[in-house]
C-alpha atoms as a PDB file:
ATOM      1  CA  MET A   1       0.015  -0.006  -0.017  1.00  0.00           C
ATOM      2  CA  ASN A   2       1.061   3.596  -0.454  1.00  0.00           C
ATOM      3  CA  ILE A   3       0.988   5.434   2.852  1.00  0.00           C
ATOM      4  CA  ALA A   4       1.297   9.195   3.311  1.00  0.00           C
ATOM      5  CA  LEU A   5       2.498  10.828   6.303  1.00  0.00           C
ATOM      6  CA  ILE A   6       1.899  14.285   7.420  1.00  0.00           C
ATOM      7  CA  ALA A   7       2.284  15.861  10.897  1.00  0.00           C
ATOM      8  CA  GLN A   8       1.952  19.503  12.110  1.00  0.00           C
ATOM      9  CA  ASP A   9       4.936  20.730  13.959  1.00  0.00           C
ATOM     10  CA  SER A  10       3.561  20.052  17.420  1.00  0.00           C
ATOM     11  CA  LYS A  11       2.755  16.507  16.465  1.00  0.00           C
ATOM     12  CA  LYS A  12       5.949  15.608  14.439  1.00  0.00           C
ATOM     13  CA  GLU A  13       7.652  13.943  17.464  1.00  0.00           C
ATOM     14  CA  LEU A  14       4.412  11.815  18.059  1.00  0.00           C
ATOM     15  CA  MET A  15       4.675  10.721  14.382  1.00  0.00           C
ATOM     16  CA  VAL A  16       8.231   9.760  14.832  1.00  0.00           C
ATOM     17  CA  GLN A  17       7.470   7.765  17.927  1.00  0.00           C
ATOM     18  CA  PHE A  18       4.427   6.062  16.129  1.00  0.00           C
ATOM     19  CA  CYS A  19       6.776   5.195  13.156  1.00  0.00           C
ATOM     20  CA  ILE A  20       9.395   3.769  15.391  1.00  0.00           C
ATOM     21  CA  ALA A  21       6.786   1.499  17.083  1.00  0.00           C
ATOM     22  CA  TYR A  22       5.331   0.315  13.872  1.00  0.00           C
ATOM     23  CA  CYS A  23       8.501   0.272  11.834  1.00  0.00           C
ATOM     24  CA  GLY A  24       8.283  -3.368  11.096  1.00  0.00           C
ATOM     25  CA  ILE A  25       4.698  -2.886   9.446  1.00  0.00           C
ATOM     26  CA  LEU A  26       5.443   0.440   7.751  1.00  0.00           C
ATOM     27  CA  SER A  27       8.566  -1.199   6.143  1.00  0.00           C
ATOM     28  CA  ARG A  28       6.430  -3.420   4.041  1.00  0.00           C
ATOM     29  CA  HIS A  29       4.709  -0.515   2.267  1.00  0.00           C
ATOM     30  CA  ARG A  30       5.589   2.549   0.175  1.00  0.00           C
ATOM     31  CA  LEU A  31       5.876   5.661   2.301  1.00  0.00           C
ATOM     32  CA  CYS A  32       5.648   9.288   1.334  1.00  0.00           C
ATOM     33  CA  ALA A  33       5.529  12.442   3.476  1.00  0.00           C
ATOM     34  CA  THR A  34       5.845  16.204   3.547  1.00  0.00           C
ATOM     35  CA  ALA A  35       9.546  17.207   3.808  1.00  0.00           C
ATOM     36  CA  GLY A  36       9.925  17.892   7.584  1.00  0.00           C
ATOM     37  CA  THR A  37       7.921  14.868   8.746  1.00  0.00           C
ATOM     38  CA  GLY A  38       9.672  12.646   6.209  1.00  0.00           C
ATOM     39  CA  LYS A  39      13.072  13.600   7.156  1.00  0.00           C
ATOM     40  CA  MET A  40      12.502  13.273  10.870  1.00  0.00           C
ATOM     41  CA  VAL A  41      10.872   9.834  10.541  1.00  0.00           C
ATOM     42  CA  SER A  42      13.494   8.630   8.011  1.00  0.00           C
ATOM     43  CA  ASP A  43      16.294   9.743  10.283  1.00  0.00           C
ATOM     44  CA  ALA A  44      14.679   8.127  13.341  1.00  0.00           C
ATOM     45  CA  THR A  45      13.702   4.831  11.662  1.00  0.00           C
ATOM     46  CA  GLY A  46      15.830   4.237   8.467  1.00  0.00           C
ATOM     47  CA  LEU A  47      12.545   3.758   6.579  1.00  0.00           C
ATOM     48  CA  SER A  48      12.525   4.826   2.837  1.00  0.00           C
ATOM     49  CA  ILE A  49      10.345   7.736   2.433  1.00  0.00           C
ATOM     50  CA  THR A  50       9.650   9.787  -0.815  1.00  0.00           C
ATOM     51  CA  ARG A  51       9.585  13.344   0.423  1.00  0.00           C
ATOM     52  CA  PHE A  52       7.583  16.078  -1.064  1.00  0.00           C
ATOM     53  CA  LEU A  53       7.791  19.829  -0.343  1.00  0.00           C
ATOM     54  CA  SER A  54       7.119  21.010   3.150  1.00  0.00           C
ATOM     55  CA  GLY A  55       3.659  21.737   4.177  1.00  0.00           C
ATOM     56  CA  SER A  56       3.996  25.374   3.979  1.00  0.00           C
ATOM     57  CA  GLN A  57       5.393  25.131   0.514  1.00  0.00           C
ATOM     58  CA  GLY A  58       2.750  22.976  -0.936  1.00  0.00           C
ATOM     59  CA  GLY A  59       3.607  19.360   0.221  1.00  0.00           C
ATOM     60  CA  GLY A  60       0.107  18.801   1.477  1.00  0.00           C
ATOM     61  CA  GLU A  61      -1.186  19.729  -1.936  1.00  0.00           C
ATOM     62  CA  GLN A  62       1.189  17.310  -3.559  1.00  0.00           C
ATOM     63  CA  ILE A  63      -0.119  14.453  -1.446  1.00  0.00           C
ATOM     64  CA  ALA A  64      -3.691  15.751  -2.137  1.00  0.00           C
ATOM     65  CA  ALA A  65      -2.880  15.476  -5.903  1.00  0.00           C
ATOM     66  CA  ARG A  66      -1.941  11.858  -5.469  1.00  0.00           C
ATOM     67  CA  ILE A  67      -4.970  11.047  -3.470  1.00  0.00           C
ATOM     68  CA  ALA A  68      -7.094  12.564  -6.211  1.00  0.00           C
ATOM     69  CA  CYS A  69      -5.270  10.250  -8.655  1.00  0.00           C
ATOM     70  CA  ASN A  70      -5.754   7.145  -6.530  1.00  0.00           C
ATOM     71  CA  GLU A  71      -2.067   6.869  -5.780  1.00  0.00           C
ATOM     72  CA  ILE A  72      -2.352   7.027  -1.966  1.00  0.00           C
ATOM     73  CA  ASP A  73      -4.113   4.155  -0.103  1.00  0.00           C
ATOM     74  CA  LEU A  74      -3.865   5.435   3.581  1.00  0.00           C
ATOM     75  CA  LEU A  75      -3.191   8.808   5.208  1.00  0.00           C
ATOM     76  CA  LEU A  76      -1.852   9.354   8.718  1.00  0.00           C
ATOM     77  CA  PHE A  77      -2.126  13.080   9.317  1.00  0.00           C
ATOM     78  CA  PHE A  78      -1.373  14.003  12.905  1.00  0.00           C
ATOM     79  CA  ARG A  79      -2.778  17.496  13.362  1.00  0.00           C
ATOM     80  CA  ASP A  80      -2.891  19.748  16.361  1.00  0.00           C
ATOM     81  CA  PRO A  81      -6.499  20.184  17.466  1.00  0.00           C
ATOM     82  CA  MET A  82      -5.435  23.056  19.668  1.00  0.00           C
ATOM     83  CA  ILE A  83      -4.763  25.221  16.754  1.00  0.00           C
ATOM     84  CA  ALA A  84      -7.971  27.318  16.555  1.00  0.00           C
ATOM     85  CA  VAL A  85      -7.891  27.958  12.728  1.00  0.00           C
ATOM     86  CA  GLN A  86      -6.663  25.094  10.523  1.00  0.00           C
ATOM     87  CA  PRO A  87      -5.399  25.947   7.100  1.00  0.00           C
ATOM     88  CA  ALA A  88      -7.971  25.584   4.403  1.00  0.00           C
ATOM     89  CA  ASP A  89      -5.744  23.167   2.496  1.00  0.00           C
ATOM     90  CA  TYR A  90      -5.981  20.592   5.346  1.00  0.00           C
ATOM     91  CA  ALA A  91      -9.925  20.693   4.998  1.00  0.00           C
ATOM     92  CA  SER A  92      -9.410  20.207   1.293  1.00  0.00           C
ATOM     93  CA  LEU A  93      -7.020  17.182   1.961  1.00  0.00           C
ATOM     94  CA  LEU A  94      -9.523  15.462   4.383  1.00  0.00           C
ATOM     95  CA  ARG A  95     -12.452  16.147   1.915  1.00  0.00           C
ATOM     96  CA  LEU A  96     -10.427  14.401  -0.893  1.00  0.00           C
ATOM     97  CA  CYS A  97      -9.961  11.430   1.507  1.00  0.00           C
ATOM     98  CA  ASP A  98     -13.582  11.223   1.925  1.00  0.00           C
ATOM     99  CA  VAL A  99     -14.423  11.536  -1.802  1.00  0.00           C
ATOM    100  CA  HIS A 100     -11.942   8.845  -2.775  1.00  0.00           C
ATOM    101  CA  ASN A 101     -12.595   6.515   0.264  1.00  0.00           C
ATOM    102  CA  ILE A 102      -9.057   6.835   1.717  1.00  0.00           C
ATOM    103  CA  PRO A 103      -8.753   5.770   5.362  1.00  0.00           C
ATOM    104  CA  VAL A 104      -7.388   8.708   7.327  1.00  0.00           C
ATOM    105  CA  ALA A 105      -6.150   8.967  10.932  1.00  0.00           C
ATOM    106  CA  THR A 106      -5.791  12.409  12.480  1.00  0.00           C
ATOM    107  CA  ASN A 107      -4.699  11.145  15.855  1.00  0.00           C
ATOM    108  CA  ILE A 108      -2.700   8.455  17.491  1.00  0.00           C
ATOM    109  CA  ALA A 109      -5.600   6.215  18.387  1.00  0.00           C
ATOM    110  CA  THR A 110      -7.060   6.030  14.987  1.00  0.00           C
ATOM    111  CA  ALA A 111      -3.580   5.510  13.431  1.00  0.00           C
ATOM    112  CA  GLU A 112      -3.034   2.452  15.774  1.00  0.00           C
ATOM    113  CA  ALA A 113      -6.438   1.154  14.817  1.00  0.00           C
ATOM    114  CA  LEU A 114      -5.535   1.447  11.051  1.00  0.00           C
ATOM    115  CA  ILE A 115      -2.101   0.116  11.290  1.00  0.00           C
ATOM    116  CA  HIS A 116      -3.344  -2.896  13.108  1.00  0.00           C
ATOM    117  CA  ALA A 117      -6.102  -3.387  10.343  1.00  0.00           C
ATOM    118  CA  LEU A 118      -3.393  -3.051   7.745  1.00  0.00           C
ATOM    119  CA  GLU A 119      -1.262  -5.681   9.478  1.00  0.00           C
ATOM    120  CA  ARG A 120      -4.210  -8.116   9.628  1.00  0.00           C
ATOM    121  CA  GLY A 121      -4.918  -7.425   5.876  1.00  0.00           C
ATOM    122  CA  ASP A 122      -8.425  -5.735   6.580  1.00  0.00           C
ATOM    123  CA  LEU A 123      -7.630  -2.938   4.356  1.00  0.00           C
ATOM    124  CA  ASP A 124      -7.263  -4.958   1.111  1.00  0.00           C
ATOM    125  CA  TRP A 125     -10.864  -3.912   0.065  1.00  0.00           C
ATOM    126  CA  ARG A 126      -9.329  -0.938  -1.720  1.00  0.00           C
ATOM    127  CA  ASP A 127      -8.243  -3.240  -4.481  1.00  0.00           C
ATOM    128  CA  LEU A 128     -11.988  -4.096  -5.104  1.00  0.00           C
ATOM    129  CA  VAL A 129     -13.052  -0.474  -5.636  1.00  0.00           C
ATOM    130  CA  ARG A 130     -10.307   0.531  -8.061  1.00  0.00           C
END
């Protein structure tokens, strides 16, 4: 599966810790990420990650374009709910996930549920709808 990783600044360390914990599962899939998140995760885990631009330079939009083209199967997007006004491109990214039936986790609890489903093979249904 193609898995995209995005984390807002205050959640990058949480993403790193998540990826360290689930490195064995993630290593069996193709990973991509925004620049900062990808660098931090790759440096900490040794995972091979295709890195796009930073979020502020359009990395989220690059991932959104891949979602629209059915090139992403799962999005782990750790965002900070304490930021009062989220950027509009994040709402667009999440809308695209809904439109294209992309499983998305915006917090650690949901990410763990999805990663365990991925390990069990429960997310293979995507092959049926493509």
